[in-house]
Amino acid sequence: MYITNSKNAVILSILVTSNNVLYTLTNLYGDVLIWTSAGSKKSRGLKKSTSLIVLSATKYMTVYANKLGYNFVHIKIRGFGKNKKVVLKSLKQPFLKILSICDNSSFAHNGCKKPKGRRV
C-alpha cells in the first residue's frame, strides 16, 4: 500500500507485451476502478502494437482518472516491449501529477538447473 497525504491518488498498472498493452487503474488499496487495453480499442492483430493505438488507450485512462477527480498517480510498469517509452512519454499530462514510477520488469536468467536424467 502506498502512503500519501492525498486522498485523490491512484495506481496505474501497465503491462507492456510485444503485441498488446494492458492498463489497470486501482485505488491505493488495490480495488480496480477501470481497466482497458490496446486490443479493446477495436484493433486486432498487429494494429494493437502501433503507437497510435497505445497513445489513445493511455489518453483514455488519464482522462478517466481526471473525470473521477484523481490528480496524483503512482505508475507501476512491467514487461518488455517497443511501446514502453511511448507509454511513459504520453503519461505526462498537465492535469495529472506523477508521484512515483516503479519498473517491475523481471528478466529471466535461464532458471534452475534441471536434475540429471535417470539411467536404466
C-alpha atoms as a PDB file:
ATOM      1  CA  MET A   1       0.000   0.000   0.000  1.00  0.00           C
ATOM      2  CA  TYR A   2       1.257   3.456  -0.872  1.00  0.00           C
ATOM      3  CA  ILE A   3       1.416   6.105   1.810  1.00  0.00           C
ATOM      4  CA  THR A   4       0.397   9.551   0.687  1.00  0.00           C
ATOM      5  CA  ASN A   5      -1.250  12.548   2.277  1.00  0.00           C
ATOM      6  CA  SER A   6      -3.623  12.954  -0.613  1.00  0.00           C
ATOM      7  CA  LYS A   7      -6.965  11.183  -0.916  1.00  0.00           C
ATOM      8  CA  ASN A   8      -7.056  11.716  -4.676  1.00  0.00           C
ATOM      9  CA  ALA A   9      -4.198   9.399  -5.678  1.00  0.00           C
ATOM     10  CA  VAL A  10      -4.458   6.203  -7.725  1.00  0.00           C
ATOM     11  CA  ILE A  11      -2.177   3.454  -9.012  1.00  0.00           C
ATOM     12  CA  LEU A  12      -1.874   2.922 -12.757  1.00  0.00           C
ATOM     13  CA  SER A  13      -0.516  -0.549 -13.517  1.00  0.00           C
ATOM     14  CA  ILE A  14       0.730  -1.078 -17.066  1.00  0.00           C
ATOM     15  CA  LEU A  15       1.758  -4.367 -18.669  1.00  0.00           C
ATOM     16  CA  VAL A  16       3.624  -3.930 -21.950  1.00  0.00           C
ATOM     17  CA  THR A  17       3.892  -7.053 -24.092  1.00  0.00           C
ATOM     18  CA  SER A  18       5.167  -7.418 -27.619  1.00  0.00           C
ATOM     19  CA  ASN A  19       1.624  -7.489 -29.036  1.00  0.00           C
ATOM     20  CA  ASN A  20      -0.534  -5.560 -26.574  1.00  0.00           C
ATOM     21  CA  VAL A  21      -0.561  -3.042 -23.715  1.00  0.00           C
ATOM     22  CA  LEU A  22      -2.822  -3.593 -20.672  1.00  0.00           C
ATOM     23  CA  TYR A  23      -3.822  -0.791 -18.273  1.00  0.00           C
ATOM     24  CA  THR A  24      -5.421  -1.126 -14.832  1.00  0.00           C
ATOM     25  CA  LEU A  25      -6.422   1.846 -12.685  1.00  0.00           C
ATOM     26  CA  THR A  26      -6.777   0.984  -8.989  1.00  0.00           C
ATOM     27  CA  ASN A  27      -7.165   2.930  -5.790  1.00  0.00           C
ATOM     28  CA  LEU A  28      -4.469   2.807  -3.114  1.00  0.00           C
ATOM     29  CA  TYR A  29      -5.999  -0.323  -1.577  1.00  0.00           C
ATOM     30  CA  GLY A  30      -5.921  -2.296  -4.845  1.00  0.00           C
ATOM     31  CA  ASP A  31      -9.606  -2.128  -5.793  1.00  0.00           C
ATOM     32  CA  VAL A  32      -9.928  -1.930  -9.584  1.00  0.00           C
ATOM     33  CA  LEU A  33     -11.639   1.224 -10.824  1.00  0.00           C
ATOM     34  CA  ILE A  34     -11.280   0.628 -14.578  1.00  0.00           C
ATOM     35  CA  TRP A  35      -9.162  -1.365 -16.989  1.00  0.00           C
ATOM     36  CA  THR A  36      -8.517  -1.211 -20.709  1.00  0.00           C
ATOM     37  CA  SER A  37      -6.096  -2.486 -23.310  1.00  0.00           C
ATOM     38  CA  ALA A  38      -4.924  -1.593 -26.771  1.00  0.00           C
ATOM     39  CA  GLY A  39      -6.876  -4.590 -28.071  1.00  0.00           C
ATOM     40  CA  SER A  40     -10.131  -3.325 -26.584  1.00  0.00           C
ATOM     41  CA  LYS A  41      -9.928  -0.223 -28.793  1.00  0.00           C
ATOM     42  CA  LYS A  42     -11.366  -2.204 -31.742  1.00  0.00           C
ATOM     43  CA  SER A  43      -7.959  -3.042 -33.162  1.00  0.00           C
ATOM     44  CA  ARG A  44      -6.810  -6.558 -33.906  1.00  0.00           C
ATOM     45  CA  GLY A  45      -3.541  -8.232 -34.801  1.00  0.00           C
ATOM     46  CA  LEU A  46      -0.517  -6.055 -35.484  1.00  0.00           C
ATOM     47  CA  LYS A  47      -2.544  -2.848 -35.146  1.00  0.00           C
ATOM     48  CA  LYS A  48      -2.611  -3.358 -31.360  1.00  0.00           C
ATOM     49  CA  SER A  49       1.115  -2.694 -31.128  1.00  0.00           C
ATOM     50  CA  THR A  50       1.137   0.558 -33.099  1.00  0.00           C
ATOM     51  CA  SER A  51       1.990   3.662 -31.149  1.00  0.00           C
ATOM     52  CA  LEU A  52      -1.200   5.473 -32.204  1.00  0.00           C
ATOM     53  CA  ILE A  53      -3.466   2.861 -30.574  1.00  0.00           C
ATOM     54  CA  VAL A  54      -1.257   2.796 -27.472  1.00  0.00           C
ATOM     55  CA  LEU A  55      -1.457   6.597 -27.219  1.00  0.00           C
ATOM     56  CA  SER A  56      -5.247   6.573 -27.495  1.00  0.00           C
ATOM     57  CA  ALA A  57      -5.582   3.929 -24.763  1.00  0.00           C
ATOM     58  CA  THR A  58      -3.235   5.888 -22.489  1.00  0.00           C
ATOM     59  CA  LYS A  59      -5.170   9.100 -23.105  1.00  0.00           C
ATOM     60  CA  TYR A  60      -8.421   7.276 -22.274  1.00  0.00           C
ATOM     61  CA  MET A  61      -7.023   6.169 -18.905  1.00  0.00           C
ATOM     62  CA  THR A  62      -5.666   9.593 -17.969  1.00  0.00           C
ATOM     63  CA  VAL A  63      -8.873  11.398 -18.940  1.00  0.00           C
ATOM     64  CA  TYR A  64     -10.974   8.877 -16.990  1.00  0.00           C
ATOM     65  CA  ALA A  65      -8.767   9.314 -13.911  1.00  0.00           C
ATOM     66  CA  ASN A  66      -9.229  13.064 -14.194  1.00  0.00           C
ATOM     67  CA  LYS A  67     -13.024  12.678 -14.505  1.00  0.00           C
ATOM     68  CA  LEU A  68     -13.080  10.664 -11.290  1.00  0.00           C
ATOM     69  CA  GLY A  69     -11.233  13.501  -9.551  1.00  0.00           C
ATOM     70  CA  TYR A  70      -7.841  11.861  -9.166  1.00  0.00           C
ATOM     71  CA  ASN A  71      -4.929  14.235  -9.748  1.00  0.00           C
ATOM     72  CA  PHE A  72      -2.000  12.180  -8.437  1.00  0.00           C
ATOM     73  CA  VAL A  73      -0.834   8.848  -9.815  1.00  0.00           C
ATOM     74  CA  HIS A  74       1.669   6.142  -8.922  1.00  0.00           C
ATOM     75  CA  ILE A  75       2.810   4.249 -12.027  1.00  0.00           C
ATOM     76  CA  LYS A  76       3.768   0.563 -11.961  1.00  0.00           C
ATOM     77  CA  ILE A  77       5.041  -0.667 -15.326  1.00  0.00           C
ATOM     78  CA  ARG A  78       6.026  -4.212 -16.280  1.00  0.00           C
ATOM     79  CA  GLY A  79       7.191  -6.005 -19.365  1.00  0.00           C
ATOM     80  CA  PHE A  80       9.426  -5.546 -22.356  1.00  0.00           C
ATOM     81  CA  GLY A  81       8.034  -4.005 -25.491  1.00  0.00           C
ATOM     82  CA  LYS A  82       8.746  -1.365 -28.052  1.00  0.00           C
ATOM     83  CA  ASN A  83       5.945   0.862 -26.740  1.00  0.00           C
ATOM     84  CA  LYS A  84       7.210   1.168 -23.169  1.00  0.00           C
ATOM     85  CA  LYS A  85       8.821   4.569 -23.737  1.00  0.00           C
ATOM     86  CA  VAL A  86       5.806   5.751 -25.733  1.00  0.00           C
ATOM     87  CA  VAL A  87       3.520   4.954 -22.799  1.00  0.00           C
ATOM     88  CA  LEU A  88       5.699   6.810 -20.290  1.00  0.00           C
ATOM     89  CA  LYS A  89       6.007   9.864 -22.538  1.00  0.00           C
ATOM     90  CA  SER A  90       2.259  10.001 -23.097  1.00  0.00           C
ATOM     91  CA  LEU A  91       1.541   9.957 -19.345  1.00  0.00           C
ATOM     92  CA  LYS A  92       2.978  13.465 -18.971  1.00  0.00           C
ATOM     93  CA  GLN A  93      -0.283  15.381 -18.727  1.00  0.00           C
ATOM     94  CA  PRO A  94      -0.726  18.846 -17.198  1.00  0.00           C
ATOM     95  CA  PHE A  95      -3.686  17.750 -15.051  1.00  0.00           C
ATOM     96  CA  LEU A  96      -2.019  14.540 -13.784  1.00  0.00           C
ATOM     97  CA  LYS A  97       0.882  14.659 -11.317  1.00  0.00           C
ATOM     98  CA  ILE A  98       3.148  11.597 -11.269  1.00  0.00           C
ATOM     99  CA  LEU A  99       4.218  10.728  -7.719  1.00  0.00           C
ATOM    100  CA  SER A 100       6.333   7.651  -8.473  1.00  0.00           C
ATOM    101  CA  ILE A 101       7.344   5.363 -11.319  1.00  0.00           C
ATOM    102  CA  CYS A 102       8.146   1.748 -10.442  1.00  0.00           C
ATOM    103  CA  ASP A 103       9.515  -0.628 -13.081  1.00  0.00           C
ATOM    104  CA  ASN A 104       8.797  -4.232 -12.035  1.00  0.00           C
ATOM    105  CA  SER A 105      10.132  -5.949 -15.148  1.00  0.00           C
ATOM    106  CA  SER A 106      11.695  -9.288 -14.340  1.00  0.00           C
ATOM    107  CA  PHE A 107      14.250 -10.653 -16.752  1.00  0.00           C
ATOM    108  CA  ALA A 108      14.572 -14.448 -16.962  1.00  0.00           C
ATOM    109  CA  HIS A 109      18.131 -15.717 -16.498  1.00  0.00           C
ATOM    110  CA  ASN A 110      17.582 -19.309 -17.654  1.00  0.00           C
ATOM    111  CA  GLY A 111      16.249 -20.575 -14.307  1.00  0.00           C
ATOM    112  CA  CYS A 112      17.405 -23.505 -12.187  1.00  0.00           C
ATOM    113  CA  LYS A 113      19.490 -26.400 -13.427  1.00  0.00           C
ATOM    114  CA  LYS A 114      17.491 -29.450 -14.466  1.00  0.00           C
ATOM    115  CA  PRO A 115      18.067 -32.635 -12.482  1.00  0.00           C
ATOM    116  CA  LYS A 116      20.090 -35.368 -14.137  1.00  0.00           C
ATOM    117  CA  GLY A 117      18.124 -37.881 -16.136  1.00  0.00           C
ATOM    118  CA  ARG A 118      17.601 -41.384 -14.835  1.00  0.00           C
ATOM    119  CA  ARG A 119      19.871 -44.051 -16.285  1.00  0.00           C
ATOM    120  CA  VAL A 120      18.474 -47.509 -16.694  1.00  0.00           C
END
